[in-house]
Amino acid sequence: MTARHALLLDLTGRRVVVVGGGPVAARRVARLLEDGADVHVVAPALCEDLADLAAAGALTWVPRDHRTGDLAGAWLVHTATGDRRTDDAVAAEAEATRTWCVRADDAQASTAWTPAVARAGDVTVAVGAGGDPRRAAALRSALQVQLDSGALPLRRRRPHAGHVTLVGGGPGDPGLITTRGRRALAEADVVVVDRLAPRALLDELEPDVEVVEAGKAPHAHTLTQTEINALLVDRARAGHHVVRLKGGDPFVLGRGGEEIAACREAGVPVTVVPGVTSAIAVPGAAGVPVTHRDVARQVTVVSAHDAETDWETLARLRGTLVLLMGVARLGEHMARLAGHGLDPATPVAVVEDGTLPTQRTTLGTVADIAARAHEVGVRNPAVVVVGHVAALAPVLGDTATRPPGPAVTT
């Protein structure tokens, strides 16, 4: 096969003529519009998708058959009429006017070809496969998965404008981070990591990526929040892609809002990649659905180390109460709930190391969970679930819903 010259084109605002109004033409037009082209469609009739685009003003429609002169001023031509004589005529005019022409009917007769394209941010991978579109599409799909999952080297090698990405790493298991989160890590020059983030993912970083520890434990902060904010801004201003890797979701008791505010105040671009919050995922991994028909229709998530928590109001709520960071004062919290009227027989589940191989669930009631937790040595990180859904753990918490680990403690 004749060698083909691969080239990426900037079609923004440039005239592109598409001859044909059927589904094949519609697929070509959709991609051209995504790339910013000024699209002119020449066809006596349009399929539904093209008609909708024309009605919305996204393209210019010339409602007739092709005529000589239709390609005047065009930078690129696509012909997809399904009629060989018409496509030949369009290709001949394109040749005469030195305009590249993509033919849907005959790839060998084309002077240009539309590749299968995989994109990830500002990375574009175009795949040609010797005129075999299904082969090209299969390759493209495989590459797209690798791009999305951060399996390919995506870091910029030339100087670039710095920015910050807040990434929710999920509840613990590294496999529960989103594909977009993994891609952000693959692009990172600096990673500022929390204690409960999926730290196994750090092993996948390139050796020269700077990793900054910013973990917080009770009464032991590596960096203050003010210092973290300043660090994010400083590294981004130095032209780095900074990833702030957190456990769970950045906006669920993760101070993500404070970090975004600091970046925007400093004029630093910042984006957020949401994560799976441990408040929902960890109980679920232990077979405790935070809502369940005829058991609980609402869920309340509380930071249990906050001295100003309104336990009186929480004790009156129906549904499920999820306490984060509540192990150290578990007995005190249960006593306050009971003191404000919550039935002491209400089931409670405490799930340690949720989604990890060391996951363990301790079951009890408001009256006795603190003693049970002390007896088995429950430690953070753990999620406390108060409500009748906790009683479902022995039924739903089998090996299909949680990783291998110690048996449920009752």
Protein backbone atom coordinates (compact mmCIF):
# COMPACT_ATOMS: atom_id res chain seq x y z
CA MET A 1 0.00 0.00 0.00
CA THR A 2 1.19 3.54 -0.80
CA ALA A 3 2.57 5.34 2.23
CA ARG A 4 0.17 7.87 3.72
CA HIS A 5 1.22 11.15 5.32
CA ALA A 6 -0.41 11.64 8.71
CA LEU A 7 -1.34 15.22 9.60
CA LEU A 8 -3.56 16.97 12.16
CA LEU A 9 -5.54 19.91 10.79
CA ASP A 10 -6.96 22.98 12.51
CA LEU A 11 -10.39 23.38 10.92
CA THR A 12 -11.65 26.06 13.28
CA GLY A 13 -13.74 28.50 11.25
CA ARG A 14 -12.60 26.98 7.96
CA ARG A 15 -15.04 26.01 5.23
CA VAL A 16 -15.58 22.29 4.79
CA VAL A 17 -18.01 20.98 2.17
CA VAL A 18 -19.88 17.71 2.71
CA VAL A 19 -21.76 16.36 -0.30
CA GLY A 20 -24.51 13.97 0.74
CA GLY A 21 -27.28 14.05 3.31
CA GLY A 22 -27.49 10.53 4.67
CA PRO A 23 -26.33 8.84 7.90
CA VAL A 24 -22.72 8.48 6.72
CA ALA A 25 -22.56 12.18 5.96
CA ALA A 26 -24.16 12.90 9.33
CA ARG A 27 -21.39 11.05 11.17
CA ARG A 28 -18.74 13.01 9.26
CA VAL A 29 -20.53 16.30 9.93
CA ALA A 30 -20.82 15.65 13.66
CA ARG A 31 -17.09 15.22 13.98
CA LEU A 32 -16.34 18.25 11.80
CA LEU A 33 -18.57 20.40 13.97
CA GLU A 34 -16.82 19.13 17.09
CA ASP A 35 -13.57 20.31 15.52
CA GLY A 36 -14.98 23.79 14.87
CA ALA A 37 -15.34 23.63 11.09
CA ASP A 38 -17.66 25.87 9.09
CA VAL A 39 -19.68 23.05 7.53
CA HIS A 40 -21.66 23.38 4.28
CA VAL A 41 -23.79 20.39 3.30
CA VAL A 42 -24.88 19.97 -0.35
CA ALA A 43 -27.75 17.49 -0.68
CA PRO A 44 -31.33 17.51 -2.00
CA ALA A 45 -32.57 16.05 1.32
CA LEU A 46 -31.22 15.50 4.82
CA CYS A 47 -31.52 12.62 7.24
CA GLU A 48 -33.05 13.41 10.62
CA ASP A 49 -29.74 14.08 12.41
CA LEU A 50 -28.55 16.52 9.74
CA ALA A 51 -31.95 18.17 9.54
CA ASP A 52 -31.82 18.84 13.29
CA LEU A 53 -28.36 20.39 12.96
CA ALA A 54 -29.48 22.53 10.03
CA ALA A 55 -32.56 23.71 11.95
CA ALA A 56 -30.34 24.66 14.87
CA GLY A 57 -28.08 26.70 12.61
CA ALA A 58 -25.06 24.48 13.23
CA LEU A 59 -24.39 24.09 9.50
CA THR A 60 -25.27 25.61 6.14
CA TRP A 61 -27.50 23.50 3.92
CA VAL A 62 -27.58 23.84 0.14
CA PRO A 63 -30.78 21.90 -0.77
CA ARG A 64 -29.91 20.47 -4.17
CA ASP A 65 -27.58 18.08 -5.98
CA HIS A 66 -23.90 18.89 -6.34
CA ARG A 67 -22.88 21.42 -9.01
CA THR A 68 -19.49 22.48 -10.26
CA GLY A 69 -18.33 25.40 -8.16
CA ASP A 70 -19.72 24.10 -4.85
CA LEU A 71 -16.20 23.49 -3.59
CA ALA A 72 -15.03 27.08 -4.03
CA GLY A 73 -13.20 28.25 -0.93
CA ALA A 74 -13.26 24.85 0.73
CA TRP A 75 -10.27 23.62 2.69
CA LEU A 76 -11.56 20.05 2.81
CA VAL A 77 -14.28 18.02 1.09
CA HIS A 78 -16.18 14.92 2.13
CA THR A 79 -18.37 13.14 -0.38
CA ALA A 80 -20.85 10.51 0.82
CA THR A 81 -23.78 10.48 -1.60
CA GLY A 82 -23.92 6.75 -2.26
CA ASP A 83 -23.95 7.52 -6.01
CA ARG A 84 -20.67 6.64 -7.74
CA ARG A 85 -21.04 9.15 -10.56
CA THR A 86 -21.69 12.01 -8.15
CA ASP A 87 -18.82 11.05 -5.87
CA ASP A 88 -16.53 10.81 -8.92
CA ALA A 89 -17.59 14.30 -10.00
CA VAL A 90 -16.98 15.75 -6.54
CA ALA A 91 -13.56 14.08 -6.34
CA ALA A 92 -12.64 15.37 -9.82
CA GLU A 93 -13.55 18.95 -8.87
CA ALA A 94 -11.58 18.61 -5.63
CA GLU A 95 -8.56 17.41 -7.58
CA ALA A 96 -8.85 20.33 -10.00
CA THR A 97 -9.05 22.85 -7.16
CA ARG A 98 -6.29 21.14 -5.13
CA THR A 99 -8.64 20.40 -2.27
CA TRP A 100 -8.24 17.28 -0.18
CA CYS A 101 -11.20 14.92 -0.65
CA VAL A 102 -12.42 12.11 1.61
CA ARG A 103 -14.56 9.58 -0.25
CA ALA A 104 -16.91 7.41 1.78
CA ASP A 105 -17.48 5.04 -1.13
CA ASP A 106 -13.90 4.27 -2.17
CA ALA A 107 -10.99 4.73 0.21
CA GLN A 108 -8.47 3.85 -2.49
CA ALA A 109 -9.76 6.68 -4.68
CA SER A 110 -9.57 9.24 -1.87
CA THR A 111 -6.83 11.81 -1.46
CA ALA A 112 -7.51 12.06 2.29
CA TRP A 113 -8.83 9.69 4.91
CA THR A 114 -10.68 10.09 8.19
CA PRO A 115 -8.90 8.13 10.94
CA ALA A 116 -10.43 6.60 14.03
CA VAL A 117 -9.62 9.05 16.83
CA ALA A 118 -8.96 8.59 20.55
CA ARG A 119 -8.79 11.70 22.74
CA ALA A 120 -7.78 12.41 26.31
CA GLY A 121 -7.63 16.09 27.21
CA ASP A 122 -5.31 17.72 24.71
CA VAL A 123 -3.91 14.37 23.52
CA THR A 124 -5.19 13.13 20.16
CA VAL A 125 -4.32 9.73 18.71
CA ALA A 126 -5.43 9.11 15.12
CA VAL A 127 -5.50 5.53 13.83
CA GLY A 128 -5.42 4.44 10.21
CA ALA A 129 -5.60 0.75 9.35
CA GLY A 130 -5.06 0.34 5.63
CA GLY A 131 -8.59 1.25 4.67
CA ASP A 132 -10.17 -1.16 7.17
CA PRO A 133 -12.44 1.05 9.36
CA ARG A 134 -13.45 -1.74 11.76
CA ARG A 135 -9.83 -2.60 12.40
CA ALA A 136 -9.05 1.07 13.00
CA ALA A 137 -12.04 1.41 15.35
CA ALA A 138 -10.94 -1.62 17.38
CA LEU A 139 -7.45 -0.18 17.77
CA ARG A 140 -8.88 3.21 18.67
CA SER A 141 -11.10 1.71 21.37
CA ALA A 142 -8.16 -0.12 22.93
CA LEU A 143 -6.09 3.05 22.94
CA GLN A 144 -8.97 5.07 24.41
CA VAL A 145 -9.19 2.72 27.39
CA GLN A 146 -5.46 3.10 28.00
CA LEU A 147 -5.64 6.87 27.69
CA ASP A 148 -8.63 7.12 30.02
CA SER A 149 -7.06 4.84 32.62
CA GLY A 150 -3.70 6.61 32.63
CA ALA A 151 -1.90 3.50 31.35
CA LEU A 152 -0.06 5.57 28.73
CA PRO A 153 2.56 8.26 29.47
CA LEU A 154 0.50 11.46 29.37
CA ARG A 155 2.76 13.92 31.19
CA ARG A 156 3.72 17.02 29.24
CA ARG A 157 7.42 17.26 28.44
CA ARG A 158 7.51 20.89 27.39
CA PRO A 159 6.86 23.93 29.62
CA HIS A 160 3.16 24.53 30.12
CA ALA A 161 0.76 26.59 32.17
CA GLY A 162 0.36 25.14 35.64
CA HIS A 163 -2.94 24.03 37.07
CA VAL A 164 -4.40 22.05 39.96
CA THR A 165 -6.66 19.01 39.82
CA LEU A 166 -8.47 17.83 42.94
CA VAL A 167 -8.91 14.07 42.64
CA GLY A 168 -11.19 11.96 44.81
CA GLY A 169 -9.37 8.66 45.19
CA GLY A 170 -12.33 6.65 46.43
CA PRO A 171 -12.84 4.68 49.65
CA GLY A 172 -9.56 2.77 49.76
CA ASP A 173 -9.20 0.08 47.12
CA PRO A 174 -7.04 1.57 44.33
CA GLY A 175 -9.38 0.01 41.76
CA LEU A 176 -12.21 2.26 42.91
CA ILE A 177 -10.68 5.52 41.71
CA THR A 178 -12.35 6.82 38.54
CA THR A 179 -10.64 6.47 35.17
CA ARG A 180 -10.45 10.24 34.96
CA GLY A 181 -8.70 10.29 38.31
CA ARG A 182 -6.11 7.79 37.09
CA ARG A 183 -5.59 9.86 33.96
CA ALA A 184 -4.98 12.96 36.07
CA LEU A 185 -2.32 11.06 38.03
CA ALA A 186 -0.67 9.97 34.77
CA GLU A 187 -0.47 13.65 33.78
CA ALA A 188 0.80 14.90 37.16
CA ASP A 189 4.12 16.61 37.81
CA VAL A 190 3.37 16.97 41.54
CA VAL A 191 1.06 14.86 43.73
CA VAL A 192 -0.03 16.19 47.12
CA VAL A 193 -1.41 13.12 48.86
CA ASP A 194 -3.63 12.54 51.89
CA ARG A 195 -3.18 9.76 54.42
CA LEU A 196 -6.34 7.89 53.37
CA ALA A 197 -5.84 8.26 49.61
CA PRO A 198 -5.22 5.06 47.55
CA ARG A 199 -1.48 5.21 48.06
CA ALA A 200 -0.72 2.11 45.98
CA LEU A 201 -1.32 4.32 42.94
CA LEU A 202 1.78 6.33 43.83
CA ASP A 203 3.89 3.33 42.78
CA GLU A 204 2.71 3.89 39.20
CA LEU A 205 4.06 7.45 39.01
CA GLU A 206 7.17 8.26 37.02
CA PRO A 207 10.30 8.50 39.21
CA ASP A 208 10.67 12.27 38.85
CA VAL A 209 7.11 13.11 39.92
CA GLU A 210 7.24 15.04 43.20
CA VAL A 211 5.13 13.46 45.95
CA VAL A 212 4.26 15.67 48.93
CA GLU A 213 2.80 14.12 52.07
CA ALA A 214 -0.13 16.14 53.39
CA GLY A 215 -1.87 13.50 55.47
CA LYS A 216 -3.85 14.34 58.57
CA ALA A 217 -4.36 12.08 61.55
CA PRO A 218 -5.92 13.05 64.89
CA HIS A 219 -3.57 15.54 66.55
CA ALA A 220 -0.89 14.87 63.88
CA HIS A 221 -0.94 17.04 60.76
CA THR A 222 1.94 16.84 58.30
CA LEU A 223 0.90 20.19 56.81
CA THR A 224 -1.72 22.65 57.93
CA GLN A 225 -4.54 23.44 55.53
CA THR A 226 -3.08 26.90 54.97
CA GLU A 227 0.26 25.31 54.06
CA ILE A 228 -1.44 22.88 51.69
CA ASN A 229 -3.26 25.72 49.94
CA ALA A 230 -0.02 27.66 49.55
CA LEU A 231 1.78 24.58 48.22
CA LEU A 232 -0.83 23.94 45.54
CA VAL A 233 -0.64 27.54 44.35
CA ASP A 234 3.17 27.66 44.44
CA ARG A 235 3.70 24.50 42.40
CA ALA A 236 1.03 25.45 39.86
CA ARG A 237 2.56 28.91 39.43
CA ALA A 238 5.86 27.17 38.70
CA GLY A 239 4.22 25.58 35.65
CA HIS A 240 3.36 22.16 37.10
CA HIS A 241 0.24 20.03 36.88
CA VAL A 242 -0.52 19.50 40.56
CA VAL A 243 -2.82 16.66 41.59
CA ARG A 244 -4.32 16.87 45.08
CA LEU A 245 -5.07 13.20 45.75
CA LYS A 246 -7.62 12.64 48.51
CA GLY A 247 -9.47 9.70 49.93
CA GLY A 248 -13.19 9.47 49.13
CA ASP A 249 -14.59 12.58 47.46
CA PRO A 250 -12.90 16.01 47.70
CA PHE A 251 -16.13 17.67 48.81
CA VAL A 252 -17.25 15.20 51.48
CA LEU A 253 -15.41 16.39 54.60
CA GLY A 254 -12.31 16.78 52.46
CA ARG A 255 -11.84 20.57 52.47
CA GLY A 256 -11.88 20.59 48.70
CA GLY A 257 -13.90 23.77 48.68
CA GLU A 258 -11.21 25.59 50.65
CA GLU A 259 -8.52 24.47 48.23
CA ILE A 260 -10.50 25.53 45.18
CA ALA A 261 -11.14 28.93 46.76
CA ALA A 262 -7.43 29.39 47.45
CA CYS A 263 -6.49 28.48 43.87
CA ARG A 264 -9.08 30.75 42.30
CA GLU A 265 -8.14 33.65 44.57
CA ALA A 266 -4.55 33.20 43.34
CA GLY A 267 -5.64 33.00 39.69
CA VAL A 268 -4.62 29.33 39.37
CA PRO A 269 -6.81 27.14 37.11
CA VAL A 270 -8.36 24.29 39.07
CA THR A 271 -10.63 21.36 38.19
CA VAL A 272 -12.31 18.66 40.26
CA VAL A 273 -12.48 14.92 39.62
CA PRO A 274 -15.19 13.58 41.97
CA GLY A 275 -14.57 10.38 43.87
CA VAL A 276 -16.60 7.61 45.48
CA THR A 277 -17.21 8.73 49.06
CA SER A 278 -16.48 6.26 51.86
CA ALA A 279 -19.68 7.40 53.59
CA ILE A 280 -21.67 5.40 51.05
CA ALA A 281 -19.19 2.93 49.58
CA VAL A 282 -17.71 1.50 52.78
CA PRO A 283 -21.07 0.49 54.30
CA GLY A 284 -22.07 -0.89 50.91
CA ALA A 285 -18.91 -3.01 50.71
CA ALA A 286 -19.85 -4.49 54.08
CA GLY A 287 -23.39 -5.32 52.99
CA VAL A 288 -24.97 -2.30 54.66
CA PRO A 289 -27.02 -0.29 52.16
CA VAL A 290 -27.47 3.20 53.61
CA THR A 291 -31.00 3.22 52.18
CA HIS A 292 -33.23 0.20 51.78
CA ARG A 293 -36.89 -0.11 50.91
CA ASP A 294 -39.13 -0.32 53.98
CA VAL A 295 -36.09 0.23 56.24
CA ALA A 296 -34.54 3.64 55.49
CA ARG A 297 -35.34 6.32 52.93
CA GLN A 298 -32.83 8.94 53.96
CA VAL A 299 -29.20 9.13 55.04
CA THR A 300 -27.33 11.77 57.05
CA VAL A 301 -23.53 12.03 56.96
CA VAL A 302 -21.80 13.67 59.91
CA SER A 303 -18.23 14.58 60.80
CA ALA A 304 -18.14 12.95 64.24
CA HIS A 305 -15.10 14.76 65.56
CA ASP A 306 -16.85 18.14 65.43
CA ALA A 307 -17.59 19.34 68.97
CA GLU A 308 -20.56 21.38 67.73
CA THR A 309 -22.49 18.41 66.32
CA ASP A 310 -26.21 18.73 67.08
CA TRP A 311 -26.82 15.28 68.55
CA GLU A 312 -30.31 16.20 69.72
CA THR A 313 -31.44 16.80 66.14
CA LEU A 314 -29.61 13.72 64.84
CA ALA A 315 -31.31 11.51 67.43
CA ARG A 316 -34.72 12.58 66.10
CA LEU A 317 -33.95 11.88 62.42
CA ARG A 318 -35.40 8.87 60.70
CA GLY A 319 -33.30 6.78 58.37
CA THR A 320 -29.57 6.12 58.52
CA LEU A 321 -26.87 8.08 60.32
CA VAL A 322 -23.30 7.71 59.01
CA LEU A 323 -20.49 8.94 61.25
CA LEU A 324 -17.07 9.64 59.77
CA MET A 325 -14.02 9.99 62.01
CA GLY A 326 -16.07 8.82 64.97
CA VAL A 327 -14.18 5.88 66.47
CA ALA A 328 -12.21 7.75 69.14
CA ARG A 329 -15.38 9.11 70.78
CA LEU A 330 -17.75 6.30 69.83
CA GLY A 331 -19.04 5.69 73.34
CA GLU A 332 -19.65 9.39 73.91
CA HIS A 333 -21.54 9.72 70.62
CA MET A 334 -23.76 6.72 71.34
CA ALA A 335 -24.52 7.99 74.83
CA ARG A 336 -25.57 11.37 73.48
CA LEU A 337 -27.83 9.82 70.84
CA ALA A 338 -29.48 7.60 73.44
CA GLY A 339 -29.73 10.51 75.87
CA HIS A 340 -31.63 12.50 73.28
CA GLY A 341 -34.16 9.73 72.72
CA LEU A 342 -32.69 7.32 70.13
CA ASP A 343 -33.69 3.75 70.99
CA PRO A 344 -30.63 2.06 72.58
CA ALA A 345 -31.54 -1.13 70.68
CA THR A 346 -30.95 0.58 67.33
CA PRO A 347 -28.47 -1.52 65.29
CA VAL A 348 -24.96 -0.14 64.66
CA ALA A 349 -22.20 -1.33 62.32
CA VAL A 350 -18.59 -0.18 62.42
CA VAL A 351 -16.65 -0.95 59.25
CA GLU A 352 -12.86 -0.69 59.39
CA ASP A 353 -10.56 -0.50 56.32
CA GLY A 354 -13.55 -0.51 53.99
CA THR A 355 -13.00 -2.05 50.52
CA LEU A 356 -9.50 -3.26 51.49
CA PRO A 357 -8.44 -6.87 52.16
CA THR A 358 -8.28 -6.01 55.88
CA GLN A 359 -11.91 -4.88 56.00
CA ARG A 360 -13.72 -5.85 59.18
CA THR A 361 -17.26 -5.22 60.40
CA THR A 362 -18.24 -5.04 64.06
CA LEU A 363 -21.95 -5.18 64.84
CA GLY A 364 -23.86 -4.10 67.91
CA THR A 365 -26.44 -1.62 69.11
CA VAL A 366 -26.37 1.96 70.33
CA ALA A 367 -26.21 0.54 73.86
CA ASP A 368 -23.27 -1.85 73.43
CA ILE A 369 -21.32 -1.00 70.24
CA ALA A 370 -18.68 1.01 72.10
CA ALA A 371 -17.87 -1.93 74.37
CA ARG A 372 -17.82 -4.37 71.45
CA ALA A 373 -15.55 -2.07 69.45
CA HIS A 374 -13.17 -1.71 72.38
CA GLU A 375 -13.11 -5.47 72.91
CA VAL A 376 -11.99 -6.24 69.34
CA GLY A 377 -9.71 -3.20 69.05
CA VAL A 378 -11.53 -1.19 66.38
CA ARG A 379 -9.31 1.54 64.92
CA ASN A 380 -9.52 4.25 62.29
CA PRO A 381 -10.13 4.50 59.43
CA ALA A 382 -13.64 3.31 60.11
CA VAL A 383 -17.18 4.28 59.20
CA VAL A 384 -19.96 4.03 61.78
CA VAL A 385 -23.49 3.29 60.55
CA VAL A 386 -26.37 3.86 62.96
CA GLY A 387 -29.79 2.62 61.90
CA HIS A 388 -31.79 -0.46 61.08
CA VAL A 389 -29.91 -1.00 57.80
CA ALA A 390 -26.93 -2.10 59.94
CA ALA A 391 -28.84 -5.26 60.78
CA LEU A 392 -28.67 -6.27 57.12
CA ALA A 393 -24.90 -6.85 57.24
CA PRO A 394 -25.09 -10.56 58.14
CA VAL A 395 -27.55 -11.10 55.27
CA LEU A 396 -26.00 -8.97 52.53
CA GLY A 397 -22.38 -8.82 53.62
CA ASP A 398 -21.12 -11.99 51.98
CA THR A 399 -17.92 -12.48 49.98
CA ALA A 400 -19.62 -11.22 46.84
CA THR A 401 -19.96 -7.74 48.31
CA ARG A 402 -16.74 -7.29 50.24
CA PRO A 403 -13.08 -8.29 49.74
CA PRO A 404 -11.64 -11.27 51.57
CA GLY A 405 -10.84 -10.47 55.16
CA PRO A 406 -11.70 -11.25 58.77
CA ALA A 407 -15.21 -12.49 59.41
CA VAL A 408 -17.93 -10.20 60.63
CA THR A 409 -17.69 -9.62 64.36
CA THR A 410 -21.02 -9.79 66.16
